[in-house]
Protein backbone atom coordinates (compact mmCIF):
# COMPACT_ATOMS: atom_id res chain seq x y z
CA UNK A 1 114.05 108.49 114.05
CA UNK A 2 110.85 110.55 113.81
CA UNK A 3 108.54 110.03 110.85
CA UNK A 4 108.16 113.10 108.66
CA UNK A 5 104.48 113.73 108.01
CA UNK A 6 104.55 117.01 106.10
CA UNK A 7 107.09 118.96 104.07
CA UNK A 8 106.38 122.55 103.08
CA UNK A 9 108.21 124.27 100.23
CA UNK A 10 108.39 127.88 99.06
CA UNK A 11 109.24 127.31 95.40
CA UNK A 12 111.35 130.41 94.71
CA UNK A 13 113.72 131.39 91.93
CA UNK A 14 112.00 130.33 88.69
CA UNK A 15 112.55 133.63 86.88
CA UNK A 16 116.14 134.07 88.04
CA UNK A 17 116.92 130.50 86.96
CA UNK A 18 115.64 131.33 83.47
CA UNK A 19 117.42 134.69 83.20
CA UNK A 20 120.77 133.17 84.14
CA UNK A 21 120.33 130.77 81.21
CA UNK A 22 119.18 133.45 78.76
CA UNK A 23 115.77 131.83 78.57
CA UNK A 24 112.38 133.59 78.61
CA UNK A 25 111.41 134.14 82.24
CA UNK A 26 108.15 132.27 81.70
CA UNK A 27 110.16 129.17 80.83
CA UNK A 28 111.33 129.18 84.43
CA UNK A 29 107.75 128.70 85.60
CA UNK A 30 107.28 125.73 83.26
CA UNK A 31 110.46 124.14 84.58
CA UNK A 32 109.30 124.89 88.11
CA UNK A 33 106.03 123.06 87.51
CA UNK A 34 107.94 120.04 86.19
CA UNK A 35 110.14 120.13 89.30
CA UNK A 36 107.07 120.06 91.53
CA UNK A 37 105.99 116.76 89.97
CA UNK A 38 109.48 115.34 90.60
CA UNK A 39 109.44 116.40 94.26
CA UNK A 40 106.00 114.87 94.78
CA UNK A 41 107.44 111.57 93.59
CA UNK A 42 110.40 111.96 95.94
CA UNK A 43 107.97 112.41 98.84
CA UNK A 44 106.05 109.30 97.81
CA UNK A 45 109.33 107.37 97.65
CA UNK A 46 110.18 108.59 101.18
CA UNK A 47 106.68 107.74 102.50
CA UNK A 48 106.06 111.41 103.31
CA UNK A 49 102.30 111.69 103.10
CA UNK A 50 101.90 115.47 102.76
CA UNK A 51 103.66 118.00 100.55
CA UNK A 52 102.43 121.60 100.78
CA UNK A 53 103.84 124.14 98.33
CA UNK A 54 103.52 127.90 97.92
CA UNK A 55 102.44 128.03 94.30
CA UNK A 56 100.88 131.48 93.93
CA UNK A 57 100.60 134.16 96.61
CA UNK A 58 97.91 136.80 97.09
CA UNK A 59 100.58 139.35 96.06
CA UNK A 60 101.34 137.49 92.82
CA UNK A 61 98.12 138.84 91.30
CA UNK A 62 100.02 142.15 91.00
CA UNK A 63 102.50 140.74 88.49
CA UNK A 64 102.21 141.52 84.78
CA UNK A 65 99.12 140.45 82.89
CA UNK A 66 101.28 138.30 80.63
CA UNK A 67 102.89 136.44 83.53
CA UNK A 68 99.66 135.91 85.45
CA UNK A 69 97.95 134.71 82.28
CA UNK A 70 100.76 132.25 81.60
CA UNK A 71 100.56 130.91 85.15
CA UNK A 72 96.80 130.47 84.90
CA UNK A 73 97.17 128.50 81.67
CA UNK A 74 99.93 126.41 83.25
CA UNK A 75 97.66 125.62 86.19
CA UNK A 76 94.64 124.81 84.06
CA UNK A 77 96.44 122.64 81.53
CA UNK A 78 98.92 121.08 83.93
CA UNK A 79 96.42 120.00 86.55
CA UNK A 80 93.97 118.70 83.95
CA UNK A 81 96.72 116.66 82.31
CA UNK A 82 98.50 115.40 85.43
CA UNK A 83 95.62 114.56 87.78
CA UNK A 84 95.34 111.07 86.26
CA UNK A 85 99.02 110.15 86.58
CA UNK A 86 99.14 111.59 90.10
CA UNK A 87 96.13 109.48 91.05
CA UNK A 88 97.81 106.36 89.62
CA UNK A 89 100.79 106.97 91.93
CA UNK A 90 98.50 107.15 94.94
CA UNK A 91 98.51 110.94 95.02
CA UNK A 92 95.76 113.34 96.00
CA UNK A 93 95.48 117.05 95.12
CA UNK A 94 94.05 119.65 97.49
CA UNK A 95 93.80 123.34 96.59
CA UNK A 96 94.11 125.78 99.50
CA UNK A 97 93.69 129.53 99.25
CA UNK A 98 91.28 132.08 97.78
CA UNK A 99 89.84 129.79 95.13
CA UNK A 100 87.06 132.26 94.43
CA UNK A 101 89.57 134.69 92.87
CA UNK A 102 90.26 132.33 89.96
CA UNK A 103 88.19 132.27 86.78
CA UNK A 104 85.22 129.85 86.70
CA UNK A 105 86.96 127.46 84.30
CA UNK A 106 89.98 127.16 86.60
CA UNK A 107 87.74 126.73 89.64
CA UNK A 108 86.09 123.85 87.79
CA UNK A 109 89.49 122.29 87.17
CA UNK A 110 90.27 122.62 90.90
CA UNK A 111 87.03 120.88 91.83
CA UNK A 112 87.48 118.18 89.19
CA UNK A 113 91.04 117.23 90.17
CA UNK A 114 90.19 117.22 93.87
CA UNK A 115 87.28 114.88 93.20
CA UNK A 116 89.28 112.69 90.81
CA UNK A 117 92.15 112.18 93.27
CA UNK A 118 90.28 112.21 96.59
CA UNK A 119 91.13 108.60 97.51
CA UNK A 120 94.89 109.12 97.25
CA UNK A 121 97.23 108.32 100.11
CA UNK A 122 99.80 111.07 99.44
CA UNK A 123 98.47 114.62 99.39
CA UNK A 124 99.83 117.53 97.38
CA UNK A 125 98.49 120.69 99.02
CA UNK A 126 98.70 123.49 96.46
CA UNK A 127 98.62 126.92 98.11
CA UNK A 128 97.18 129.18 95.39
CA UNK A 129 96.17 132.80 95.92
CA UNK A 130 97.41 132.06 99.40
CA UNK A 131 98.56 134.38 102.16
CA UNK A 132 98.95 133.35 105.79
CA UNK A 133 97.33 136.49 107.17
CA UNK A 134 94.44 136.17 104.72
CA UNK A 135 93.97 132.56 105.80
CA UNK A 136 93.78 133.47 109.49
CA UNK A 137 91.43 136.41 108.83
CA UNK A 138 89.18 134.10 106.78
CA UNK A 139 89.11 131.58 109.64
CA UNK A 140 88.26 134.28 112.19
CA UNK A 141 85.51 135.79 110.04
CA UNK A 142 83.97 132.36 109.47
CA UNK A 143 83.90 131.70 113.19
CA UNK A 144 82.39 135.14 113.86
CA UNK A 145 79.70 134.46 111.28
CA UNK A 146 78.87 131.27 113.17
CA UNK A 147 78.59 133.35 116.37
CA UNK A 148 81.12 131.34 118.35
CA UNK A 149 81.53 132.70 121.88
CA UNK A 150 85.04 131.35 122.38
CA UNK A 151 87.51 129.37 120.37
CA UNK A 152 90.48 127.11 121.01
CA UNK A 153 93.58 126.51 118.91
CA UNK A 154 91.93 123.32 117.69
CA UNK A 155 88.90 125.33 116.54
CA UNK A 156 91.07 127.72 114.55
CA UNK A 157 92.94 124.80 112.99
CA UNK A 158 89.65 123.39 111.69
CA UNK A 159 88.73 126.66 109.98
CA UNK A 160 92.01 127.17 108.17
CA UNK A 161 92.18 126.40 104.46
CA UNK A 162 94.62 123.61 105.33
CA UNK A 163 92.22 121.88 107.75
CA UNK A 164 93.15 118.21 107.95
CA UNK A 165 96.82 118.76 107.05
CA UNK A 166 99.39 117.88 109.74
CA UNK A 167 101.61 120.83 110.61
CA UNK A 168 104.81 120.81 108.53
CA UNK A 169 107.84 119.20 110.10
CA UNK A 170 110.07 120.97 107.60
CA UNK A 171 109.73 124.16 105.56
CA UNK A 172 112.20 124.62 102.71
CA UNK A 173 112.74 127.81 100.73
CA UNK A 174 114.84 127.71 97.59
CA UNK A 175 116.77 130.60 95.94
CA UNK A 176 118.62 131.88 99.02
CA UNK A 177 115.93 134.19 100.39
CA UNK A 178 115.64 133.77 104.16
CA UNK A 179 112.05 134.63 104.99
CA UNK A 180 108.69 132.86 104.93
CA UNK A 181 106.72 135.55 103.07
CA UNK A 182 103.42 134.70 104.72
CA UNK A 183 103.65 130.95 104.17
CA UNK A 184 101.88 128.92 106.87
CA UNK A 185 102.40 131.31 109.83
CA UNK A 186 99.95 129.36 112.00
CA UNK A 187 100.92 125.85 110.91
CA UNK A 188 104.68 126.44 110.88
CA UNK A 189 105.28 127.48 114.48
CA UNK A 190 107.33 124.34 115.22
CA UNK A 191 108.69 123.70 111.73
CA UNK A 192 112.41 123.32 111.08
CA UNK A 193 113.44 125.88 108.46
CA UNK A 194 115.88 125.15 105.64
CA UNK A 195 116.99 127.94 103.28
CA UNK A 196 118.85 126.64 100.25
CA UNK A 197 120.61 128.86 97.67
CA UNK A 198 119.58 126.69 94.72
CA UNK A 199 116.82 128.06 92.47
CA UNK A 200 113.67 125.95 92.47
CA UNK A 201 114.02 124.43 88.95
CA UNK A 202 117.53 123.24 89.89
CA UNK A 203 116.53 121.75 93.28
CA UNK A 204 117.92 118.22 93.23
CA UNK A 205 117.16 114.87 94.79
CA UNK A 206 120.53 115.19 96.54
CA UNK A 207 119.50 118.55 98.05
CA UNK A 208 116.26 117.01 99.28
CA UNK A 209 117.99 113.94 100.71
CA UNK A 210 120.50 116.09 102.63
CA UNK A 211 117.68 118.12 104.19
CA UNK A 212 115.85 114.96 105.26
CA UNK A 213 119.05 113.53 106.73
CA UNK A 214 119.70 116.75 108.62
CA UNK A 215 116.17 116.76 110.05
CA UNK A 216 116.42 113.11 111.05
CA UNK A 217 119.78 113.68 112.70
CA UNK A 218 121.70 111.43 110.33
CA UNK A 219 123.53 114.15 108.39
CA UNK A 220 124.26 117.87 108.12
CA UNK A 221 122.93 119.79 105.12
CA UNK A 222 124.21 123.22 106.11
CA UNK A 223 120.80 124.72 105.31
CA UNK A 224 119.06 124.40 108.70
CA UNK A 225 118.37 127.68 110.49
CA UNK A 226 116.04 127.97 113.50
CA UNK A 227 112.63 127.02 114.80
CA UNK A 228 109.83 129.50 114.32
CA UNK A 229 108.75 130.88 117.73
CA UNK A 230 105.33 129.83 118.98
CA UNK A 231 103.13 132.94 118.85
CA UNK A 232 99.85 131.05 119.29
CA UNK A 233 99.96 131.04 123.06
CA UNK A 234 102.02 132.95 125.60
CA UNK A 235 105.26 132.34 123.70
CA UNK A 236 104.83 135.39 121.42
CA UNK A 237 108.19 136.70 120.30
CA UNK A 238 109.09 139.84 118.39
CA UNK A 239 112.55 138.59 117.53
CA UNK A 240 111.60 137.28 114.09
CA UNK A 241 109.69 139.28 111.46
CA UNK A 242 108.51 137.64 108.26
CA UNK A 243 108.40 139.96 105.24
CA UNK A 244 105.37 139.61 102.98
CA UNK A 245 105.44 138.81 99.27
CA UNK A 246 107.03 135.94 97.41
CA UNK A 247 110.27 136.85 95.67
CA UNK A 248 111.02 135.97 92.10
């Protein structure tokens, strides 16, 4: 049985979960944040050392001012409050994405929680203002600025925002959408994909356990789809197109 090093999750369906319960749509985001803390604990229980989640995409800045403002407050207050308990559990927080697009006070929170939790054994990689194409372009531009004459795959890996993170063994998307929406296009070339109809706030420990069993070959979740083709070398395939933009 292979050891799972990294699980990636596209946390989709917060607003639809709320609407189906006649709740304010913003309440779905609060429930989604609470679910993230639960899933981090599940990963710790399973000795999975890396959890990377799509928390806020580059396209999400185009949402309403009210929604973006709510999400910023949720990030600021939630991370400030929860960094201590996460550290006590052996957790570490890493922020990956365009951190410079956030307000100075939120950038300070990012820096503070990363410093506070840096010795943790289990890493929560929060992809915020993240887009896979933007990440690759950033890596290329950084290497050009350093006047590199040639680069290898290993070089590119070191210049990604996720440098140091093992490639995900599994990528899960909740809510029933069957696309990656720009999530980890470089890192996910060999990931097993699982698309689950459950909205993110309702994602259960049973759902998670079934996916792990399916990956390990000890069960069948019904959510597994296909491997992402390797486009990094000569194995480029045009058979699979990933649509941009995180759904609601």
